[in-house]
Amino acid sequence: MKIIITIPAYNEEKTIGRVISDIKRVMDNTKDKYNYKILIVDDGSKDKTAEIAKKAGAIVYSHPRNYGLAEAFRTEIKLCLKLGADIIVHTDADGQYLAKDIPTLIEEVKKGNDLVLGSRFRGTIEEMPFIKRLGNKAFSRVVSNITHMNINDAQTGFRAFNRKLAERIPIISTHTYTQEQIIKAVKEKFKVKEVPIYFAKREGGKSRLMKGPFEYAAKAFVNILRVYRDYEPLKFFGFFGETLMALGFLIALFFLYEHLTTGIQGHIGLLFLMIILLFSGLQIILFGFLADMMRK
């Protein structure tokens, strides 16, 4: 079996060399001598990330500019398939996911699981900001609801999957690729499993993925809406449609009360608002049904 351990990296010169060295040390000292390579997708770094990774013995592919994690992930899969990978291990460049856990993920794939997720919430977390922890749990709850499978860490960037899954699960999202792969894998009836891992405190500066807790919270909320829109359109559009119709019915009850007591006088603007709310809500719900039919 050929294993490709792939890492997206953007301005990670402080940690990338150590991460690669740790992976090589672990992989070279296991009982099973793995046939493996390390692939770095340099996502337009402006520092010496690519140079250090090459010196450390990794294969390096560089994007001309920074495209983001989702595009880097698509590039990783494309290159791994071209390199003949049977198992792909995806990890991060900042050293928070430990190399010693990589063989655990690989062995679970070899046992017949198609996608193995390294779960931080089933394992040990040294440090994670409260807002990020809350956002991760919210994402996991959403993905669990959509897949009808208990997923504790849908946001984890530490995962291993086989060639068949990589070929059959295209990643089209530009924001939520971690959840997209899980949702599609479950819906395509691939075997998905979580294993506990150790999540270390980040070294080498602050994360470039989260500038602040409020920005993270805003992006997490938008991405949760995107997940529902893309994978549960009936629930997504139904919620907004039912909300508008409920407001319309409240106004209708007001008119009924007025009619039974003092009589309806005026309120032309409110009448038009009621009609707009009811018809808009109905249209949004019908659009949700149409989107759900097209998705299936």
Protein backbone atom coordinates (compact mmCIF):
# COMPACT_ATOMS: atom_id res chain seq x y z
CA MET A 1 0.00 0.00 0.00
CA LYS A 2 1.24 3.43 -0.95
CA ILE A 3 0.53 6.13 1.63
CA ILE A 4 0.70 9.86 0.97
CA ILE A 5 0.73 12.14 4.02
CA THR A 6 -0.37 15.51 2.75
CA ILE A 7 -0.18 18.89 4.44
CA PRO A 8 -1.50 22.26 3.30
CA ALA A 9 0.79 25.07 4.39
CA TYR A 10 0.60 28.84 4.31
CA ASN A 11 3.48 30.78 5.87
CA GLU A 12 4.42 27.94 8.23
CA GLU A 13 8.22 28.25 8.08
CA LYS A 14 8.47 28.11 11.88
CA THR A 15 6.85 24.69 12.21
CA ILE A 16 6.89 22.87 8.85
CA GLY A 17 10.42 21.46 9.21
CA ARG A 18 9.68 19.97 12.63
CA VAL A 19 6.32 18.59 11.50
CA ILE A 20 7.94 16.77 8.56
CA SER A 21 10.77 15.46 10.76
CA ASP A 22 8.30 14.15 13.35
CA ILE A 23 6.28 12.37 10.67
CA LYS A 24 9.38 10.73 9.17
CA ARG A 25 10.58 9.62 12.59
CA VAL A 26 7.24 8.02 13.44
CA MET A 27 6.69 6.42 10.03
CA ASP A 28 10.23 5.03 9.84
CA ASN A 29 10.04 3.45 13.29
CA THR A 30 6.75 1.57 13.16
CA LYS A 31 6.49 -2.23 13.14
CA ASP A 32 4.97 -2.16 9.68
CA LYS A 33 7.37 -0.49 7.29
CA TYR A 34 5.09 1.85 5.41
CA ASN A 35 5.64 2.82 1.80
CA TYR A 36 4.95 6.52 2.23
CA LYS A 37 5.69 9.98 0.90
CA ILE A 38 5.04 13.42 2.38
CA LEU A 39 3.37 16.00 0.14
CA ILE A 40 3.25 19.69 1.00
CA VAL A 41 0.80 21.93 -0.84
CA ASP A 42 2.26 25.38 -0.35
CA ASP A 43 -0.72 27.70 -0.70
CA GLY A 44 1.10 30.80 -1.89
CA SER A 45 3.35 31.26 1.13
CA LYS A 46 5.44 34.43 1.25
CA ASP A 47 8.04 33.01 3.63
CA LYS A 48 10.43 30.03 3.35
CA THR A 49 7.81 27.31 3.87
CA ALA A 50 8.40 25.65 0.48
CA GLU A 51 12.19 25.85 0.75
CA ILE A 52 12.28 24.33 4.24
CA ALA A 53 9.84 21.58 3.28
CA LYS A 54 11.97 20.57 0.28
CA LYS A 55 15.11 20.45 2.43
CA ALA A 56 13.25 18.27 4.94
CA GLY A 57 12.59 15.71 2.18
CA ALA A 58 8.96 16.40 1.23
CA ILE A 59 7.43 16.70 -2.21
CA VAL A 60 6.34 20.32 -2.60
CA TYR A 61 3.71 21.76 -4.90
CA SER A 62 3.22 25.53 -4.74
CA HIS A 63 0.13 27.53 -5.63
CA PRO A 64 0.96 30.86 -7.32
CA ARG A 65 -1.09 32.66 -4.67
CA ASN A 66 -3.14 31.94 -1.56
CA TYR A 67 -6.37 30.17 -2.57
CA GLY A 68 -7.49 28.92 0.85
CA LEU A 69 -7.80 25.55 2.55
CA ALA A 70 -10.58 24.12 0.38
CA GLU A 71 -8.65 24.67 -2.86
CA ALA A 72 -5.47 23.34 -1.25
CA PHE A 73 -7.41 20.21 -0.22
CA ARG A 74 -8.63 19.69 -3.80
CA THR A 75 -5.05 20.05 -5.04
CA GLU A 76 -3.86 17.53 -2.44
CA ILE A 77 -6.35 14.89 -3.55
CA LYS A 78 -5.58 15.43 -7.24
CA LEU A 79 -1.82 15.09 -6.66
CA CYS A 80 -2.18 12.13 -4.30
CA LEU A 81 -4.21 10.20 -6.87
CA LYS A 82 -1.65 11.05 -9.55
CA LEU A 83 1.12 9.77 -7.25
CA GLY A 84 -0.75 6.45 -6.89
CA ALA A 85 -1.85 6.79 -3.26
CA ASP A 86 -3.87 3.94 -1.76
CA ILE A 87 -4.32 5.81 1.53
CA ILE A 88 -4.26 9.59 1.96
CA VAL A 89 -3.56 11.14 5.35
CA HIS A 90 -4.41 14.81 5.70
CA THR A 91 -2.90 16.76 8.59
CA ASP A 92 -1.89 20.33 9.44
CA ALA A 93 1.39 22.22 9.26
CA ASP A 94 1.29 23.84 12.69
CA GLY A 95 2.08 20.71 14.72
CA GLN A 96 -1.13 20.61 16.74
CA TYR A 97 -1.99 17.17 15.36
CA LEU A 98 0.72 14.76 16.51
CA ALA A 99 2.62 12.50 14.13
CA LYS A 100 2.37 9.59 16.58
CA ASP A 101 -1.37 9.34 15.84
CA ILE A 102 -0.91 8.91 12.08
CA PRO A 103 -0.35 5.10 12.20
CA THR A 104 -3.62 4.75 14.17
CA LEU A 105 -5.55 6.43 11.36
CA ILE A 106 -3.78 4.35 8.71
CA GLU A 107 -4.49 1.07 10.48
CA GLU A 108 -8.19 1.92 10.77
CA VAL A 109 -8.33 2.48 7.00
CA LYS A 110 -6.52 -0.81 6.44
CA LYS A 111 -9.17 -2.52 8.59
CA GLY A 112 -11.83 -1.49 6.08
CA ASN A 113 -12.93 2.00 7.10
CA ASP A 114 -13.12 4.41 4.17
CA LEU A 115 -12.80 7.66 6.12
CA VAL A 116 -11.18 7.89 9.55
CA LEU A 117 -11.48 11.13 11.50
CA GLY A 118 -9.05 12.13 14.22
CA SER A 119 -11.45 13.40 16.88
CA ARG A 120 -10.12 16.03 19.25
CA PHE A 121 -13.25 15.91 21.40
CA ARG A 122 -12.94 12.15 21.93
CA GLY A 123 -9.28 12.56 22.81
CA THR A 124 -7.27 15.25 24.62
CA ILE A 125 -7.24 18.97 23.89
CA GLU A 126 -4.37 20.99 25.35
CA GLU A 127 -5.81 24.33 24.33
CA MET A 128 -8.73 25.62 22.23
CA PRO A 129 -10.40 29.06 22.50
CA PHE A 130 -13.92 28.92 23.92
CA ILE A 131 -15.55 30.44 20.81
CA LYS A 132 -13.74 27.99 18.53
CA ARG A 133 -14.70 25.06 20.76
CA LEU A 134 -18.33 26.21 20.68
CA GLY A 135 -18.23 26.64 16.89
CA ASN A 136 -16.71 23.20 16.37
CA LYS A 137 -19.39 21.57 18.50
CA ALA A 138 -22.13 23.45 16.65
CA PHE A 139 -20.73 22.27 13.31
CA SER A 140 -20.57 18.71 14.58
CA ARG A 141 -24.19 18.87 15.75
CA VAL A 142 -25.29 20.12 12.32
CA VAL A 143 -23.35 17.40 10.48
CA SER A 144 -24.69 14.76 12.88
CA ASN A 145 -28.25 15.91 12.19
CA ILE A 146 -27.74 15.81 8.44
CA THR A 147 -25.97 12.43 8.33
CA HIS A 148 -27.99 10.81 11.17
CA MET A 149 -24.64 9.67 12.55
CA ASN A 150 -23.01 10.84 15.76
CA ILE A 151 -20.01 12.92 14.70
CA ASN A 152 -18.06 14.51 17.56
CA ASP A 153 -15.53 16.48 15.51
CA ALA A 154 -16.72 17.37 12.00
CA GLN A 155 -14.16 20.19 11.76
CA THR A 156 -11.06 18.07 12.30
CA GLY A 157 -8.33 18.56 9.74
CA PHE A 158 -6.68 15.30 10.77
CA ARG A 159 -8.12 12.41 8.74
CA ALA A 160 -7.23 9.44 6.58
CA PHE A 161 -9.19 8.00 3.67
CA ASN A 162 -8.75 5.47 0.90
CA ARG A 163 -8.34 5.94 -2.84
CA LYS A 164 -11.89 4.89 -3.64
CA LEU A 165 -13.37 7.63 -1.47
CA ALA A 166 -10.96 10.23 -2.89
CA GLU A 167 -12.03 9.32 -6.43
CA ARG A 168 -15.78 9.23 -5.76
CA ILE A 169 -16.22 12.21 -3.41
CA PRO A 170 -15.55 15.48 -5.27
CA ILE A 171 -15.05 18.52 -3.07
CA ILE A 172 -16.86 21.55 -4.48
CA SER A 173 -17.21 23.78 -1.42
CA THR A 174 -14.94 26.78 -0.96
CA HIS A 175 -15.68 27.05 2.77
CA THR A 176 -16.71 23.78 4.42
CA TYR A 177 -14.65 21.03 2.80
CA THR A 178 -14.14 19.17 6.09
CA GLN A 179 -17.88 18.77 6.61
CA GLU A 180 -18.60 18.23 2.91
CA GLN A 181 -16.36 15.16 2.74
CA ILE A 182 -18.03 13.63 5.81
CA ILE A 183 -21.59 14.32 4.66
CA LYS A 184 -21.00 12.99 1.16
CA ALA A 185 -19.13 9.95 2.45
CA VAL A 186 -22.02 8.97 4.74
CA LYS A 187 -24.64 9.61 2.05
CA GLU A 188 -22.61 7.49 -0.43
CA LYS A 189 -22.58 4.70 2.18
CA PHE A 190 -18.84 4.75 2.86
CA LYS A 191 -17.69 3.54 6.28
CA VAL A 192 -16.80 6.49 8.51
CA LYS A 193 -15.14 6.16 11.90
CA GLU A 194 -13.78 8.53 14.55
CA VAL A 195 -10.72 7.77 16.67
CA PRO A 196 -9.47 9.82 19.65
CA ILE A 197 -6.35 11.92 19.11
CA TYR A 198 -4.20 14.38 21.04
CA PHE A 199 -4.56 18.06 20.07
CA ALA A 200 -1.55 20.07 21.19
CA LYS A 201 -1.20 23.77 21.92
CA ARG A 202 -0.26 25.72 18.83
CA GLU A 203 3.33 26.90 18.57
CA GLY A 204 4.89 29.36 16.15
CA GLY A 205 2.42 32.24 16.47
CA LYS A 206 -1.31 32.66 16.16
CA SER A 207 -3.48 30.79 13.69
CA ARG A 208 -3.96 32.50 10.33
CA LEU A 209 -7.36 30.87 10.03
CA MET A 210 -8.88 32.80 12.94
CA LYS A 211 -8.02 36.48 13.35
CA GLY A 212 -10.33 36.85 16.31
CA PRO A 213 -13.17 35.11 18.18
CA PHE A 214 -15.90 37.34 16.76
CA GLU A 215 -14.73 36.83 13.17
CA TYR A 216 -14.63 33.08 13.78
CA ALA A 217 -18.14 33.12 15.26
CA ALA A 218 -19.50 35.08 12.29
CA LYS A 219 -17.85 32.76 9.75
CA ALA A 220 -18.98 29.68 11.64
CA PHE A 221 -22.61 30.90 11.64
CA VAL A 222 -22.51 31.64 7.88
CA ASN A 223 -20.92 28.28 7.13
CA ILE A 224 -23.52 26.42 9.19
CA LEU A 225 -26.22 28.12 7.11
CA ARG A 226 -24.35 27.09 3.94
CA VAL A 227 -24.22 23.46 5.06
CA TYR A 228 -27.96 23.40 5.68
CA ARG A 229 -28.64 25.22 2.41
CA ASP A 230 -26.56 22.74 0.39
CA TYR A 231 -27.50 19.48 2.12
CA GLU A 232 -30.89 20.10 3.75
CA PRO A 233 -32.50 22.74 1.51
CA LEU A 234 -36.03 21.84 2.63
CA LYS A 235 -35.12 22.51 6.27
CA PHE A 236 -33.16 25.65 5.36
CA PHE A 237 -35.78 27.31 3.14
CA GLY A 238 -38.61 25.81 5.18
CA PHE A 239 -37.38 27.59 8.32
CA PHE A 240 -37.36 31.02 6.67
CA GLY A 241 -40.60 30.37 4.80
CA GLU A 242 -42.43 29.18 7.91
CA THR A 243 -41.12 32.16 9.87
CA LEU A 244 -42.54 34.60 7.31
CA MET A 245 -45.85 32.75 7.14
CA ALA A 246 -46.09 32.71 10.94
CA LEU A 247 -45.66 36.50 11.01
CA GLY A 248 -48.34 36.77 8.32
CA PHE A 249 -50.74 34.62 10.35
CA LEU A 250 -50.14 36.77 13.44
CA ILE A 251 -51.22 39.82 11.48
CA ALA A 252 -54.22 37.86 10.18
CA LEU A 253 -55.18 37.06 13.79
CA PHE A 254 -54.94 40.76 14.59
CA PHE A 255 -57.36 41.53 11.76
CA LEU A 256 -59.71 38.77 12.96
CA TYR A 257 -59.64 40.24 16.48
CA GLU A 258 -60.35 43.72 15.10
CA HIS A 259 -63.21 42.35 13.01
CA LEU A 260 -64.83 40.63 16.01
CA THR A 261 -64.45 43.60 18.37
CA THR A 262 -64.30 47.16 17.04
CA GLY A 263 -64.36 46.40 13.33
CA ILE A 264 -61.51 46.80 10.88
CA GLN A 265 -60.68 50.41 10.14
CA GLY A 266 -57.67 51.44 8.08
CA HIS A 267 -54.50 49.35 8.42
CA ILE A 268 -54.02 49.22 4.61
CA GLY A 269 -50.25 49.06 4.96
CA LEU A 270 -50.51 46.25 7.50
CA LEU A 271 -52.86 44.36 5.19
CA PHE A 272 -50.35 44.54 2.34
CA LEU A 273 -47.57 43.43 4.70
CA MET A 274 -49.65 40.40 5.72
CA ILE A 275 -50.22 39.43 2.07
CA ILE A 276 -46.52 39.87 1.23
CA LEU A 277 -45.42 37.79 4.23
CA LEU A 278 -47.83 34.93 3.47
CA PHE A 279 -47.08 34.73 -0.23
CA SER A 280 -43.30 35.18 0.26
CA GLY A 281 -43.25 32.46 2.91
CA LEU A 282 -45.19 30.10 0.66
CA GLN A 283 -42.87 30.78 -2.28
CA ILE A 284 -39.76 30.15 -0.17
CA ILE A 285 -41.18 26.83 1.10
CA LEU A 286 -42.03 25.75 -2.46
CA PHE A 287 -38.50 26.72 -3.53
CA GLY A 288 -37.18 24.51 -0.72
CA PHE A 289 -39.21 21.56 -2.06
CA LEU A 290 -37.84 22.22 -5.56
CA ALA A 291 -34.24 22.49 -4.32
CA ASP A 292 -34.66 19.27 -2.34
CA MET A 293 -35.98 17.44 -5.41
CA MET A 294 -33.08 18.71 -7.56
CA ARG A 295 -30.52 17.72 -4.92
CA LYS A 296 -31.84 14.14 -4.93
